[in-house]
Amino acid sequence: MTGWIRVCARSELLPGEYRSVWDGDVQIAVFNLDGELYAIEDVCTHDGGELTGGVVEGHEIECPRHGARFDIRTGAVLCPPAYEPVAKFPVKIEGEAVYTRDDRWD
């Protein structure tokens, strides 16, 4: 996938909020952490469940199923039972819109 996917208007993604979008068959979650936007694949690498809906504390999200923790800024795994990071994606703001994309195959 090489095209950018519109997530939402910038004003619709306030600090502490997230939005999920699909780029093909990849679900991407875009988070606003204190005004900075970050995008990661919305999947726990432990069991394939969605990360969104889990508790966000600071820059970490906890998988709601088994408690694995990931760094939203980098995708790094921080706590078992996951041992593999989640994919991190670019975010851009163009005009008043927020965009992301799965750039792994560029």
PDB file of N, CA and C in Angstrom:
ATOM      1  N   MET A   1       0.841  -1.179   0.000  1.00  0.00           N
ATOM      2  CA  MET A   1       0.000   0.000   0.000  1.00  0.00           C
ATOM      3  C   MET A   1       0.885   1.241   0.000  1.00  0.00           C
ATOM      4  N   THR A   2       0.692   2.115  -0.925  1.00  0.00           N
ATOM      5  CA  THR A   2       1.503   3.321  -0.981  1.00  0.00           C
ATOM      6  C   THR A   2       0.705   4.588  -0.771  1.00  0.00           C
ATOM      7  N   GLY A   3      -0.618   4.540  -0.873  1.00  0.00           N
ATOM      8  CA  GLY A   3      -1.437   5.735  -0.707  1.00  0.00           C
ATOM      9  C   GLY A   3      -1.671   6.066   0.752  1.00  0.00           C
ATOM     10  N   TRP A   4      -1.842   7.353   1.001  1.00  0.00           N
ATOM     11  CA  TRP A   4      -2.147   7.809   2.353  1.00  0.00           C
ATOM     12  C   TRP A   4      -3.636   7.632   2.617  1.00  0.00           C
ATOM     13  N   ILE A   5      -3.987   7.213   3.819  1.00  0.00           N
ATOM     14  CA  ILE A   5      -5.362   6.988   4.237  1.00  0.00           C
ATOM     15  C   ILE A   5      -5.772   8.117   5.176  1.00  0.00           C
ATOM     16  N   ARG A   6      -6.876   8.774   4.873  1.00  0.00           N
ATOM     17  CA  ARG A   6      -7.364   9.837   5.752  1.00  0.00           C
ATOM     18  C   ARG A   6      -7.921   9.221   7.027  1.00  0.00           C
ATOM     19  N   VAL A   7      -7.458   9.732   8.156  1.00  0.00           N
ATOM     20  CA  VAL A   7      -7.897   9.239   9.461  1.00  0.00           C
ATOM     21  C   VAL A   7      -9.086  10.055   9.947  1.00  0.00           C
ATOM     22  N   CYS A   8      -8.928  11.372  10.000  1.00  0.00           N
ATOM     23  CA  CYS A   8      -9.960  12.267  10.500  1.00  0.00           C
ATOM     24  C   CYS A   8      -9.466  13.700  10.368  1.00  0.00           C
ATOM     25  N   ALA A   9     -10.312  14.652  10.752  1.00  0.00           N
ATOM     26  CA  ALA A   9      -9.873  16.040  10.849  1.00  0.00           C
ATOM     27  C   ALA A   9      -8.997  16.172  12.097  1.00  0.00           C
ATOM     28  N   ARG A  10      -8.024  17.037  12.040  1.00  0.00           N
ATOM     29  CA  ARG A  10      -7.122  17.255  13.186  1.00  0.00           C
ATOM     30  C   ARG A  10      -7.908  17.592  14.449  1.00  0.00           C
ATOM     31  N   SER A  11      -8.973  18.365  14.307  1.00  0.00           N
ATOM     32  CA  SER A  11      -9.784  18.772  15.456  1.00  0.00           C
ATOM     33  C   SER A  11     -10.578  17.619  16.064  1.00  0.00           C
ATOM     34  N   GLU A  12     -10.667  16.485  15.360  1.00  0.00           N
ATOM     35  CA  GLU A  12     -11.411  15.319  15.856  1.00  0.00           C
ATOM     36  C   GLU A  12     -10.535  14.328  16.608  1.00  0.00           C
ATOM     37  N   LEU A  13      -9.252  14.647  16.766  1.00  0.00           N
ATOM     38  CA  LEU A  13      -8.328  13.743  17.449  1.00  0.00           C
ATOM     39  C   LEU A  13      -7.620  14.539  18.543  1.00  0.00           C
ATOM     40  N   LEU A  14      -8.282  14.663  19.660  1.00  0.00           N
ATOM     41  CA  LEU A  14      -7.787  15.468  20.772  1.00  0.00           C
ATOM     42  C   LEU A  14      -6.786  14.675  21.611  1.00  0.00           C
ATOM     43  N   PRO A  15      -5.969  15.363  22.422  1.00  0.00           N
ATOM     44  CA  PRO A  15      -5.021  14.657  23.290  1.00  0.00           C
ATOM     45  C   PRO A  15      -5.731  13.586  24.128  1.00  0.00           C
ATOM     46  N   GLY A  16      -5.131  12.402  24.136  1.00  0.00           N
ATOM     47  CA  GLY A  16      -5.690  11.274  24.860  1.00  0.00           C
ATOM     48  C   GLY A  16      -6.631  10.420  24.039  1.00  0.00           C
ATOM     49  N   GLU A  17      -6.935  10.833  22.812  1.00  0.00           N
ATOM     50  CA  GLU A  17      -7.850  10.081  21.966  1.00  0.00           C
ATOM     51  C   GLU A  17      -7.102   9.305  20.890  1.00  0.00           C
ATOM     52  N   TYR A  18      -7.811   8.370  20.264  1.00  0.00           N
ATOM     53  CA  TYR A  18      -7.263   7.620  19.130  1.00  0.00           C
ATOM     54  C   TYR A  18      -8.359   7.403  18.104  1.00  0.00           C
ATOM     55  N   ARG A  19      -7.942   7.075  16.904  1.00  0.00           N
ATOM     56  CA  ARG A  19      -8.842   6.693  15.820  1.00  0.00           C
ATOM     57  C   ARG A  19      -8.216   5.494  15.121  1.00  0.00           C
ATOM     58  N   SER A  20      -9.065   4.586  14.668  1.00  0.00           N
ATOM     59  CA  SER A  20      -8.598   3.426  13.903  1.00  0.00           C
ATOM     60  C   SER A  20      -9.079   3.524  12.466  1.00  0.00           C
ATOM     61  N   VAL A  21      -8.206   3.132  11.545  1.00  0.00           N
ATOM     62  CA  VAL A  21      -8.537   3.096  10.118  1.00  0.00           C
ATOM     63  C   VAL A  21      -7.947   1.824   9.529  1.00  0.00           C
ATOM     64  N   TRP A  22      -8.428   1.486   8.356  1.00  0.00           N
ATOM     65  CA  TRP A  22      -7.912   0.327   7.632  1.00  0.00           C
ATOM     66  C   TRP A  22      -7.139   0.801   6.411  1.00  0.00           C
ATOM     67  N   ASP A  23      -5.954   0.244   6.221  1.00  0.00           N
ATOM     68  CA  ASP A  23      -5.182   0.413   4.991  1.00  0.00           C
ATOM     69  C   ASP A  23      -5.114  -0.975   4.376  1.00  0.00           C
ATOM     70  N   GLY A  24      -6.010  -1.234   3.447  1.00  0.00           N
ATOM     71  CA  GLY A  24      -6.134  -2.593   2.919  1.00  0.00           C
ATOM     72  C   GLY A  24      -6.643  -3.496   4.029  1.00  0.00           C
ATOM     73  N   ASP A  25      -5.881  -4.537   4.349  1.00  0.00           N
ATOM     74  CA  ASP A  25      -6.292  -5.445   5.423  1.00  0.00           C
ATOM     75  C   ASP A  25      -5.531  -5.194   6.726  1.00  0.00           C
ATOM     76  N   VAL A  26      -4.897  -4.033   6.845  1.00  0.00           N
ATOM     77  CA  VAL A  26      -4.135  -3.681   8.045  1.00  0.00           C
ATOM     78  C   VAL A  26      -4.881  -2.607   8.831  1.00  0.00           C
ATOM     79  N   GLN A  27      -5.203  -2.919  10.087  1.00  0.00           N
ATOM     80  CA  GLN A  27      -5.855  -1.937  10.945  1.00  0.00           C
ATOM     81  C   GLN A  27      -4.777  -1.105  11.636  1.00  0.00           C
ATOM     82  N   ILE A  28      -4.897   0.219  11.516  1.00  0.00           N
ATOM     83  CA  ILE A  28      -3.919   1.147  12.083  1.00  0.00           C
ATOM     84  C   ILE A  28      -4.624   2.023  13.097  1.00  0.00           C
ATOM     85  N   ALA A  29      -4.017   2.174  14.272  1.00  0.00           N
ATOM     86  CA  ALA A  29      -4.534   3.068  15.305  1.00  0.00           C
ATOM     87  C   ALA A  29      -3.631   4.289  15.376  1.00  0.00           C
ATOM     88  N   VAL A  30      -4.239   5.467  15.308  1.00  0.00           N
ATOM     89  CA  VAL A  30      -3.517   6.733  15.406  1.00  0.00           C
ATOM     90  C   VAL A  30      -3.878   7.357  16.749  1.00  0.00           C
ATOM     91  N   PHE A  31      -2.859   7.645  17.550  1.00  0.00           N
ATOM     92  CA  PHE A  31      -3.031   8.172  18.896  1.00  0.00           C
ATOM     93  C   PHE A  31      -2.535   9.605  18.979  1.00  0.00           C
ATOM     94  N   ASN A  32      -3.218  10.416  19.762  1.00  0.00           N
ATOM     95  CA  ASN A  32      -2.752  11.759  20.095  1.00  0.00           C
ATOM     96  C   ASN A  32      -2.258  11.701  21.534  1.00  0.00           C
ATOM     97  N   LEU A  33      -0.941  11.766  21.702  1.00  0.00           N
ATOM     98  CA  LEU A  33      -0.331  11.768  23.030  1.00  0.00           C
ATOM     99  C   LEU A  33       0.222  13.159  23.284  1.00  0.00           C
ATOM    100  N   ASP A  34      -0.506  13.931  24.068  1.00  0.00           N
ATOM    101  CA  ASP A  34      -0.089  15.295  24.418  1.00  0.00           C
ATOM    102  C   ASP A  34       0.221  16.148  23.188  1.00  0.00           C
ATOM    103  N   GLY A  35      -0.594  16.010  22.155  1.00  0.00           N
ATOM    104  CA  GLY A  35      -0.435  16.829  20.958  1.00  0.00           C
ATOM    105  C   GLY A  35       0.431  16.226  19.869  1.00  0.00           C
ATOM    106  N   GLU A  36       1.153  15.153  20.152  1.00  0.00           N
ATOM    107  CA  GLU A  36       1.966  14.452  19.154  1.00  0.00           C
ATOM    108  C   GLU A  36       1.184  13.243  18.647  1.00  0.00           C
ATOM    109  N   LEU A  37       1.211  13.016  17.336  1.00  0.00           N
ATOM    110  CA  LEU A  37       0.465  11.911  16.734  1.00  0.00           C
ATOM    111  C   LEU A  37       1.381  10.743  16.406  1.00  0.00           C
ATOM    112  N   TYR A  38       0.908   9.545  16.740  1.00  0.00           N
ATOM    113  CA  TYR A  38       1.663   8.313  16.502  1.00  0.00           C
ATOM    114  C   TYR A  38       0.717   7.263  15.939  1.00  0.00           C
ATOM    115  N   ALA A  39       1.233   6.402  15.064  1.00  0.00           N
ATOM    116  CA  ALA A  39       0.412   5.347  14.476  1.00  0.00           C
ATOM    117  C   ALA A  39       1.116   4.004  14.616  1.00  0.00           C
ATOM    118  N   ILE A  40       0.357   3.010  15.081  1.00  0.00           N
ATOM    119  CA  ILE A  40       0.859   1.638  15.194  1.00  0.00           C
ATOM    120  C   ILE A  40      -0.211   0.690  14.654  1.00  0.00           C
ATOM    121  N   GLU A  41       0.237  -0.502  14.299  1.00  0.00           N
ATOM    122  CA  GLU A  41      -0.724  -1.516  13.884  1.00  0.00           C
ATOM    123  C   GLU A  41      -1.576  -1.887  15.089  1.00  0.00           C
ATOM    124  N   ASP A  42      -2.859  -1.943  14.880  1.00  0.00           N
ATOM    125  CA  ASP A  42      -3.798  -2.215  15.975  1.00  0.00           C
ATOM    126  C   ASP A  42      -3.965  -3.714  16.170  1.00  0.00           C
ATOM    127  N   VAL A  43      -2.854  -4.357  16.530  1.00  0.00           N
ATOM    128  CA  VAL A  43      -2.881  -5.802  16.752  1.00  0.00           C
ATOM    129  C   VAL A  43      -1.821  -6.179  17.779  1.00  0.00           C
ATOM    130  N   CYS A  44      -2.211  -6.981  18.735  1.00  0.00           N
ATOM    131  CA  CYS A  44      -1.249  -7.491  19.721  1.00  0.00           C
ATOM    132  C   CYS A  44      -0.457  -8.624  19.069  1.00  0.00           C
ATOM    133  N   THR A  45       0.852  -8.543  19.137  1.00  0.00           N
ATOM    134  CA  THR A  45       1.685  -9.575  18.516  1.00  0.00           C
ATOM    135  C   THR A  45       1.682 -10.878  19.308  1.00  0.00           C
ATOM    136  N   HIS A  46       1.078 -10.879  20.467  1.00  0.00           N
ATOM    137  CA  HIS A  46       0.974 -12.106  21.254  1.00  0.00           C
ATOM    138  C   HIS A  46      -0.122 -13.017  20.705  1.00  0.00           C
ATOM    139  N   ASP A  47      -1.308 -12.441  20.443  1.00  0.00           N
ATOM    140  CA  ASP A  47      -2.406 -13.309  20.027  1.00  0.00           C
ATOM    141  C   ASP A  47      -3.270 -12.749  18.903  1.00  0.00           C
ATOM    142  N   GLY A  48      -2.906 -11.597  18.345  1.00  0.00           N
ATOM    143  CA  GLY A  48      -3.636 -11.055  17.211  1.00  0.00           C
ATOM    144  C   GLY A  48      -4.872 -10.250  17.559  1.00  0.00           C
ATOM    145  N   GLY A  49      -5.147 -10.033  18.839  1.00  0.00           N
ATOM    146  CA  GLY A  49      -6.294  -9.229  19.236  1.00  0.00           C
ATOM    147  C   GLY A  49      -6.030  -7.742  19.051  1.00  0.00           C
ATOM    148  N   GLU A  50      -7.089  -6.943  19.036  1.00  0.00           N
ATOM    149  CA  GLU A  50      -6.948  -5.494  18.914  1.00  0.00           C
ATOM    150  C   GLU A  50      -6.348  -4.906  20.184  1.00  0.00           C
ATOM    151  N   LEU A  51      -5.487  -3.910  20.001  1.00  0.00           N
ATOM    152  CA  LEU A  51      -4.918  -3.182  21.140  1.00  0.00           C
ATOM    153  C   LEU A  51      -5.850  -2.071  21.608  1.00  0.00           C
ATOM    154  N   THR A  52      -6.529  -1.419  20.655  1.00  0.00           N
ATOM    155  CA  THR A  52      -7.418  -0.337  21.042  1.00  0.00           C
ATOM    156  C   THR A  52      -8.506  -0.883  21.955  1.00  0.00           C
ATOM    157  N   GLY A  53      -8.844  -0.093  22.912  1.00  0.00           N
ATOM    158  CA  GLY A  53      -9.744  -0.544  23.965  1.00  0.00           C
ATOM    159  C   GLY A  53      -8.960  -0.879  25.213  1.00  0.00           C
ATOM    160  N   GLY A  54      -7.647  -1.038  25.068  1.00  0.00           N
ATOM    161  CA  GLY A  54      -6.787  -1.266  26.222  1.00  0.00           C
ATOM    162  C   GLY A  54      -6.465   0.051  26.914  1.00  0.00           C
ATOM    163  N   VAL A  55      -5.964  -0.043  28.116  1.00  0.00           N
ATOM    164  CA  VAL A  55      -5.619   1.136  28.908  1.00  0.00           C
ATOM    165  C   VAL A  55      -4.379   1.804  28.327  1.00  0.00           C
ATOM    166  N   VAL A  56      -4.467   3.129  28.149  1.00  0.00           N
ATOM    167  CA  VAL A  56      -3.323   3.924  27.724  1.00  0.00           C
ATOM    168  C   VAL A  56      -2.841   4.713  28.933  1.00  0.00           C
ATOM    169  N   GLU A  57      -1.566   4.544  29.271  1.00  0.00           N
ATOM    170  CA  GLU A  57      -0.949   5.293  30.358  1.00  0.00           C
ATOM    171  C   GLU A  57       0.338   5.891  29.835  1.00  0.00           C
ATOM    172  N   GLY A  58       0.403   7.222  29.821  1.00  0.00           N
ATOM    173  CA  GLY A  58       1.586   7.878  29.264  1.00  0.00           C
ATOM    174  C   GLY A  58       1.702   7.543  27.794  1.00  0.00           C
ATOM    175  N   HIS A  59       2.789   6.887  27.425  1.00  0.00           N
ATOM    176  CA  HIS A  59       3.020   6.505  26.033  1.00  0.00           C
ATOM    177  C   HIS A  59       2.872   4.999  25.816  1.00  0.00           C
ATOM    178  N   GLU A  60       2.242   4.314  26.764  1.00  0.00           N
ATOM    179  CA  GLU A  60       2.088   2.863  26.679  1.00  0.00           C
ATOM    180  C   GLU A  60       0.625   2.474  26.535  1.00  0.00           C
ATOM    181  N   ILE A  61       0.396   1.382  25.787  1.00  0.00           N
ATOM    182  CA  ILE A  61      -0.935   0.789  25.720  1.00  0.00           C
ATOM    183  C   ILE A  61      -0.832  -0.657  26.177  1.00  0.00           C
ATOM    184  N   GLU A  62      -1.818  -1.065  26.959  1.00  0.00           N
ATOM    185  CA  GLU A  62      -1.871  -2.437  27.459  1.00  0.00           C
ATOM    186  C   GLU A  62      -2.931  -3.207  26.703  1.00  0.00           C
ATOM    187  N   CYS A  63      -2.558  -4.349  26.177  1.00  0.00           N
ATOM    188  CA  CYS A  63      -3.510  -5.193  25.469  1.00  0.00           C
ATOM    189  C   CYS A  63      -4.635  -5.582  26.436  1.00  0.00           C
ATOM    190  N   PRO A  64      -5.889  -5.383  26.028  1.00  0.00           N
ATOM    191  CA  PRO A  64      -6.989  -5.689  26.933  1.00  0.00           C
ATOM    192  C   PRO A  64      -7.212  -7.181  27.169  1.00  0.00           C
ATOM    193  N   ARG A  65      -6.569  -8.022  26.378  1.00  0.00           N
ATOM    194  CA  ARG A  65      -6.796  -9.471  26.529  1.00  0.00           C
ATOM    195  C   ARG A  65      -5.858 -10.127  27.527  1.00  0.00           C
ATOM    196  N   HIS A  66      -4.549  -9.918  27.386  1.00  0.00           N
ATOM    197  CA  HIS A  66      -3.600 -10.642  28.226  1.00  0.00           C
ATOM    198  C   HIS A  66      -2.554  -9.756  28.895  1.00  0.00           C
ATOM    199  N   GLY A  67      -2.653  -8.427  28.725  1.00  0.00           N
ATOM    200  CA  GLY A  67      -1.796  -7.514  29.469  1.00  0.00           C
ATOM    201  C   GLY A  67      -0.445  -7.177  28.868  1.00  0.00           C
ATOM    202  N   ALA A  68      -0.161  -7.632  27.650  1.00  0.00           N
ATOM    203  CA  ALA A  68       1.097  -7.214  27.018  1.00  0.00           C
ATOM    204  C   ALA A  68       1.071  -5.696  26.870  1.00  0.00           C
ATOM    205  N   ARG A  69       2.241  -5.062  26.970  1.00  0.00           N
ATOM    206  CA  ARG A  69       2.315  -3.600  26.869  1.00  0.00           C
ATOM    207  C   ARG A  69       3.246  -3.205  25.725  1.00  0.00           C
ATOM    208  N   PHE A  70       2.865  -2.113  25.036  1.00  0.00           N
ATOM    209  CA  PHE A  70       3.628  -1.627  23.891  1.00  0.00           C
ATOM    210  C   PHE A  70       3.824  -0.123  24.010  1.00  0.00           C
ATOM    211  N   ASP A  71       4.959   0.361  23.488  1.00  0.00           N
ATOM    212  CA  ASP A  71       5.229   1.783  23.407  1.00  0.00           C
ATOM    213  C   ASP A  71       4.546   2.320  22.157  1.00  0.00           C
ATOM    214  N   ILE A  72       3.590   3.213  22.327  1.00  0.00           N
ATOM    215  CA  ILE A  72       2.832   3.759  21.203  1.00  0.00           C
ATOM    216  C   ILE A  72       3.731   4.558  20.266  1.00  0.00           C
ATOM    217  N   ARG A  73       4.788   5.160  20.799  1.00  0.00           N
ATOM    218  CA  ARG A  73       5.668   5.997  19.978  1.00  0.00           C
ATOM    219  C   ARG A  73       6.546   5.183  19.042  1.00  0.00           C
ATOM    220  N   THR A  74       6.924   3.975  19.446  1.00  0.00           N
ATOM    221  CA  THR A  74       7.884   3.188  18.681  1.00  0.00           C
ATOM    222  C   THR A  74       7.371   1.815  18.251  1.00  0.00           C
ATOM    223  N   GLY A  75       6.330   1.325  18.901  1.00  0.00           N
ATOM    224  CA  GLY A  75       5.842  -0.028  18.649  1.00  0.00           C
ATOM    225  C   GLY A  75       6.557  -1.080  19.472  1.00  0.00           C
ATOM    226  N   ALA A  76       7.558  -0.695  20.244  1.00  0.00           N
ATOM    227  CA  ALA A  76       8.351  -1.649  21.033  1.00  0.00           C
ATOM    228  C   ALA A  76       7.484  -2.373  22.056  1.00  0.00           C
ATOM    229  N   VAL A  77       7.763  -3.652  22.230  1.00  0.00           N
ATOM    230  CA  VAL A  77       7.081  -4.426  23.262  1.00  0.00           C
ATOM    231  C   VAL A  77       7.759  -4.117  24.599  1.00  0.00           C
ATOM    232  N   LEU A  78       6.961  -3.925  25.632  1.00  0.00           N
ATOM    233  CA  LEU A  78       7.480  -3.539  26.941  1.00  0.00           C
ATOM    234  C   LEU A  78       7.235  -4.583  28.018  1.00  0.00           C
ATOM    235  N   CYS A  79       6.326  -5.522  27.737  1.00  0.00           N
ATOM    236  CA  CYS A  79       5.948  -6.482  28.775  1.00  0.00           C
ATOM    237  C   CYS A  79       5.371  -7.736  28.127  1.00  0.00           C
ATOM    238  N   PRO A  80       5.772  -8.934  28.603  1.00  0.00           N
ATOM    239  CA  PRO A  80       5.169 -10.160  28.102  1.00  0.00           C
ATOM    240  C   PRO A  80       3.676 -10.197  28.460  1.00  0.00           C
ATOM    241  N   PRO A  81       2.904 -11.030  27.789  1.00  0.00           N
ATOM    242  CA  PRO A  81       3.322 -12.200  27.033  1.00  0.00           C
ATOM    243  C   PRO A  81       3.755 -11.937  25.592  1.00  0.00           C
ATOM    244  N   ALA A  82       3.695 -10.709  25.097  1.00  0.00           N
ATOM    245  CA  ALA A  82       4.199 -10.429  23.749  1.00  0.00           C
ATOM    246  C   ALA A  82       5.719 -10.298  23.784  1.00  0.00           C
ATOM    247  N   TYR A  83       6.362 -10.700  22.701  1.00  0.00           N
ATOM    248  CA  TYR A  83       7.819 -10.582  22.592  1.00  0.00           C
ATOM    249  C   TYR A  83       8.249  -9.892  21.301  1.00  0.00           C
ATOM    250  N   GLU A  84       7.302  -9.646  20.395  1.00  0.00           N
ATOM    251  CA  GLU A  84       7.590  -8.982  19.131  1.00  0.00           C
ATOM    252  C   GLU A  84       6.943  -7.602  19.136  1.00  0.00           C
ATOM    253  N   PRO A  85       7.601  -6.588  18.590  1.00  0.00           N
ATOM    254  CA  PRO A  85       7.002  -5.254  18.531  1.00  0.00           C
ATOM    255  C   PRO A  85       5.843  -5.210  17.542  1.00  0.00           C
ATOM    256  N   VAL A  86       5.015  -4.179  17.663  1.00  0.00           N
ATOM    257  CA  VAL A  86       3.983  -3.921  16.655  1.00  0.00           C
ATOM    258  C   VAL A  86       4.567  -2.960  15.633  1.00  0.00           C
ATOM    259  N   ALA A  87       4.038  -3.004  14.423  1.00  0.00           N
ATOM    260  CA  ALA A  87       4.524  -2.115  13.360  1.00  0.00           C
ATOM    261  C   ALA A  87       4.167  -0.671  13.685  1.00  0.00           C
ATOM    262  N   LYS A  88       5.088   0.230  13.378  1.00  0.00           N
ATOM    263  CA  LYS A  88       4.901   1.670  13.540  1.00  0.00           C
ATOM    264  C   LYS A  88       4.758   2.265  12.147  1.00  0.00           C
ATOM    265  N   PHE A  89       3.852   3.252  12.007  1.00  0.00           N
ATOM    266  CA  PHE A  89       3.577   3.841  10.704  1.00  0.00           C
ATOM    267  C   PHE A  89       3.729   5.355  10.736  1.00  0.00           C
ATOM    268  N   PRO A  90       3.959   5.968   9.567  1.00  0.00           N
ATOM    269  CA  PRO A  90       4.074   7.425   9.513  1.00  0.00           C
ATOM    270  C   PRO A  90       2.701   8.091   9.673  1.00  0.00           C
ATOM    271  N   VAL A  91       2.728   9.311  10.164  1.00  0.00           N
ATOM    272  CA  VAL A  91       1.538  10.152  10.271  1.00  0.00           C
ATOM    273  C   VAL A  91       1.889  11.488   9.644  1.00  0.00           C
ATOM    274  N   LYS A  92       0.950  12.053   8.885  1.00  0.00           N
ATOM    275  CA  LYS A  92       1.170  13.401   8.363  1.00  0.00           C
ATOM    276  C   LYS A  92      -0.115  14.193   8.495  1.00  0.00           C
ATOM    277  N   ILE A  93       0.062  15.493   8.630  1.00  0.00           N
ATOM    278  CA  ILE A  93      -1.067  16.409   8.651  1.00  0.00           C
ATOM    279  C   ILE A  93      -0.974  17.240   7.385  1.00  0.00           C
ATOM    280  N   GLU A  94      -2.061  17.256   6.643  1.00  0.00           N
ATOM    281  CA  GLU A  94      -2.126  18.022   5.408  1.00  0.00           C
ATOM    282  C   GLU A  94      -3.390  18.856   5.469  1.00  0.00           C
ATOM    283  N   GLY A  95      -3.233  20.172   5.503  1.00  0.00           N
ATOM    284  CA  GLY A  95      -4.383  21.038   5.732  1.00  0.00           C
ATOM    285  C   GLY A  95      -4.887  20.787   7.140  1.00  0.00           C
ATOM    286  N   GLU A  96      -6.134  20.431   7.258  1.00  0.00           N
ATOM    287  CA  GLU A  96      -6.718  20.118   8.569  1.00  0.00           C
ATOM    288  C   GLU A  96      -6.936  18.621   8.766  1.00  0.00           C
ATOM    289  N   ALA A  97      -6.403  17.799   7.866  1.00  0.00           N
ATOM    290  CA  ALA A  97      -6.644  16.358   7.926  1.00  0.00           C
ATOM    291  C   ALA A  97      -5.413  15.590   8.397  1.00  0.00           C
ATOM    292  N   VAL A  98      -5.665  14.480   9.084  1.00  0.00           N
ATOM    293  CA  VAL A  98      -4.621  13.567   9.557  1.00  0.00           C
ATOM    294  C   VAL A  98      -4.625  12.347   8.648  1.00  0.00           C
ATOM    295  N   TYR A  99      -3.432  11.913   8.227  1.00  0.00           N
ATOM    296  CA  TYR A  99      -3.274  10.759   7.347  1.00  0.00           C
ATOM    297  C   TYR A  99      -2.242   9.796   7.911  1.00  0.00           C
ATOM    298  N   THR A 100      -2.392   8.536   7.544  1.00  0.00           N
ATOM    299  CA  THR A 100      -1.390   7.519   7.854  1.00  0.00           C
ATOM    300  C   THR A 100      -1.378   6.516   6.706  1.00  0.00           C
ATOM    301  N   ARG A 101      -0.428   5.591   6.753  1.00  0.00           N
ATOM    302  CA  ARG A 101      -0.374   4.537   5.740  1.00  0.00           C
ATOM    303  C   ARG A 101       0.551   3.432   6.205  1.00  0.00           C
ATOM    304  N   ASP A 102       0.341   2.253   5.649  1.00  0.00           N
ATOM    305  CA  ASP A 102       1.223   1.108   5.875  1.00  0.00           C
ATOM    306  C   ASP A 102       2.361   1.226   4.863  1.00  0.00           C
ATOM    307  N   ASP A 103       3.530   1.617   5.356  1.00  0.00           N
ATOM    308  CA  ASP A 103       4.677   1.855   4.476  1.00  0.00           C
ATOM    309  C   ASP A 103       5.680   0.711   4.466  1.00  0.00           C
ATOM    310  N   ARG A 104       5.292  -0.434   5.012  1.00  0.00           N
ATOM    311  CA  ARG A 104       6.255  -1.542   5.111  1.00  0.00           C
ATOM    312  C   ARG A 104       6.682  -2.116   3.773  1.00  0.00           C
ATOM    313  N   TRP A 105       5.903  -1.943   2.739  1.00  0.00           N
ATOM    314  CA  TRP A 105       6.207  -2.579   1.460  1.00  0.00           C
ATOM    315  C   TRP A 105       6.677  -1.594   0.408  1.00  0.00           C
ATOM    316  N   ASP A 106       6.992  -0.378   0.823  1.00  0.00           N
ATOM    317  CA  ASP A 106       7.495   0.631  -0.131  1.00  0.00           C
ATOM    318  C   ASP A 106       8.854   0.263  -0.658  1.00  0.00           C
TER     319      ASP A 106
END
